[in-house]
Amino acid sequence: MSMEITAPMPGKIASIVVNVGTQVQEEEEVIIMDAMKMEIPVYAPGAGTIKEIKVKVGDSVNEGQVLAILE
């Protein structure tokens, strides 16, 4: 079953900590966003494997936008 990793708020992608195929645990940091002049970590909602990364560093994203797919 797939899970979506979404942006918690509008911002810009500062770095992507994982790659496609990376195994992650629940609450593991996967992406770091710049928002409100702070670095905001985005965490995996559950354990699984990163299936797809839908953004790249420098992308501007909206709240709720899908950043990656976890399987």
C-alpha atoms as a PDB file:
ATOM      1  CA  MET A   1       0.000   0.000   0.000  1.00  0.00           C
ATOM      2  CA  SER A   2       1.389   3.421  -0.988  1.00  0.00           C
ATOM      3  CA  MET A   3       1.586   6.426   1.305  1.00  0.00           C
ATOM      4  CA  GLU A   4       2.049  10.004   0.166  1.00  0.00           C
ATOM      5  CA  ILE A   5       4.613  12.240   1.826  1.00  0.00           C
ATOM      6  CA  THR A   6       3.166  15.759   1.634  1.00  0.00           C
ATOM      7  CA  ALA A   7       4.388  19.286   2.335  1.00  0.00           C
ATOM      8  CA  PRO A   8       3.256  20.502   5.769  1.00  0.00           C
ATOM      9  CA  MET A   9       3.271  24.144   4.588  1.00  0.00           C
ATOM     10  CA  PRO A  10       4.229  26.246   1.558  1.00  0.00           C
ATOM     11  CA  GLY A  11       7.982  26.539   1.033  1.00  0.00           C
ATOM     12  CA  LYS A  12      10.976  25.583  -1.043  1.00  0.00           C
ATOM     13  CA  ILE A  13      12.774  22.227  -1.179  1.00  0.00           C
ATOM     14  CA  ALA A  14      16.187  22.720   0.479  1.00  0.00           C
ATOM     15  CA  SER A  15      17.444  19.131   0.316  1.00  0.00           C
ATOM     16  CA  ILE A  16      16.312  15.589  -0.313  1.00  0.00           C
ATOM     17  CA  VAL A  17      17.763  13.195   2.250  1.00  0.00           C
ATOM     18  CA  VAL A  18      16.679   9.924   0.570  1.00  0.00           C
ATOM     19  CA  ASN A  19      16.815   8.338  -2.894  1.00  0.00           C
ATOM     20  CA  VAL A  20      14.346   6.145  -4.756  1.00  0.00           C
ATOM     21  CA  GLY A  21      14.697   2.662  -3.254  1.00  0.00           C
ATOM     22  CA  THR A  22      15.795   3.905   0.185  1.00  0.00           C
ATOM     23  CA  GLN A  23      14.221   2.004   3.101  1.00  0.00           C
ATOM     24  CA  VAL A  24      12.865   4.400   5.744  1.00  0.00           C
ATOM     25  CA  GLN A  25      11.321   4.013   9.166  1.00  0.00           C
ATOM     26  CA  GLU A  26       8.270   5.875  10.458  1.00  0.00           C
ATOM     27  CA  GLU A  27       9.174   9.465  11.454  1.00  0.00           C
ATOM     28  CA  GLU A  28      12.513   9.295   9.578  1.00  0.00           C
ATOM     29  CA  GLU A  29      13.511  12.574   7.904  1.00  0.00           C
ATOM     30  CA  VAL A  30      13.151  12.379   4.106  1.00  0.00           C
ATOM     31  CA  ILE A  31      13.088  15.985   2.844  1.00  0.00           C
ATOM     32  CA  ILE A  32      14.094  19.356   4.283  1.00  0.00           C
ATOM     33  CA  MET A  33      12.099  22.437   3.283  1.00  0.00           C
ATOM     34  CA  ASP A  34      12.852  26.128   3.723  1.00  0.00           C
ATOM     35  CA  ALA A  35       9.746  27.871   5.040  1.00  0.00           C
ATOM     36  CA  MET A  36       9.314  31.035   7.104  1.00  0.00           C
ATOM     37  CA  LYS A  37      13.135  31.481   7.138  1.00  0.00           C
ATOM     38  CA  MET A  38      13.507  28.128   8.927  1.00  0.00           C
ATOM     39  CA  GLU A  39      14.473  24.625   7.871  1.00  0.00           C
ATOM     40  CA  ILE A  40      11.435  22.368   8.229  1.00  0.00           C
ATOM     41  CA  PRO A  41      12.062  18.593   8.162  1.00  0.00           C
ATOM     42  CA  VAL A  42       9.441  16.415   6.459  1.00  0.00           C
ATOM     43  CA  TYR A  43       9.122  12.928   7.959  1.00  0.00           C
ATOM     44  CA  ALA A  44       7.957   9.573   6.601  1.00  0.00           C
ATOM     45  CA  PRO A  45       4.373   8.813   7.743  1.00  0.00           C
ATOM     46  CA  GLY A  46       5.264   5.117   8.093  1.00  0.00           C
ATOM     47  CA  ALA A  47       7.949   2.532   7.388  1.00  0.00           C
ATOM     48  CA  GLY A  48       8.559   1.505   3.789  1.00  0.00           C
ATOM     49  CA  THR A  49      10.590   2.070   0.634  1.00  0.00           C
ATOM     50  CA  ILE A  50      10.740   5.338  -1.299  1.00  0.00           C
ATOM     51  CA  LYS A  51       9.040   4.548  -4.624  1.00  0.00           C
ATOM     52  CA  GLU A  52       9.060   7.982  -6.262  1.00  0.00           C
ATOM     53  CA  ILE A  53      10.349  11.489  -5.514  1.00  0.00           C
ATOM     54  CA  LYS A  54       8.124  14.110  -7.150  1.00  0.00           C
ATOM     55  CA  VAL A  55      10.194  17.239  -6.406  1.00  0.00           C
ATOM     56  CA  LYS A  56      13.761  18.449  -6.804  1.00  0.00           C
ATOM     57  CA  VAL A  57      15.929  20.817  -4.786  1.00  0.00           C
ATOM     58  CA  GLY A  58      14.865  24.415  -5.379  1.00  0.00           C
ATOM     59  CA  ASP A  59      11.230  23.595  -6.214  1.00  0.00           C
ATOM     60  CA  SER A  60       8.565  25.772  -4.602  1.00  0.00           C
ATOM     61  CA  VAL A  61       5.752  23.684  -3.139  1.00  0.00           C
ATOM     62  CA  ASN A  62       2.298  24.336  -1.700  1.00  0.00           C
ATOM     63  CA  GLU A  63       0.836  22.977   1.522  1.00  0.00           C
ATOM     64  CA  GLY A  64      -0.421  19.436   0.965  1.00  0.00           C
ATOM     65  CA  GLN A  65       1.524  18.946  -2.274  1.00  0.00           C
ATOM     66  CA  VAL A  66       2.827  15.388  -2.721  1.00  0.00           C
ATOM     67  CA  LEU A  67       6.616  15.343  -2.377  1.00  0.00           C
ATOM     68  CA  ALA A  68       7.278  11.609  -2.533  1.00  0.00           C
ATOM     69  CA  ILE A  69       5.547   8.228  -2.601  1.00  0.00           C
ATOM     70  CA  LEU A  70       6.355   5.595   0.031  1.00  0.00           C
ATOM     71  CA  GLU A  71       5.494   1.969  -0.578  1.00  0.00           C
END
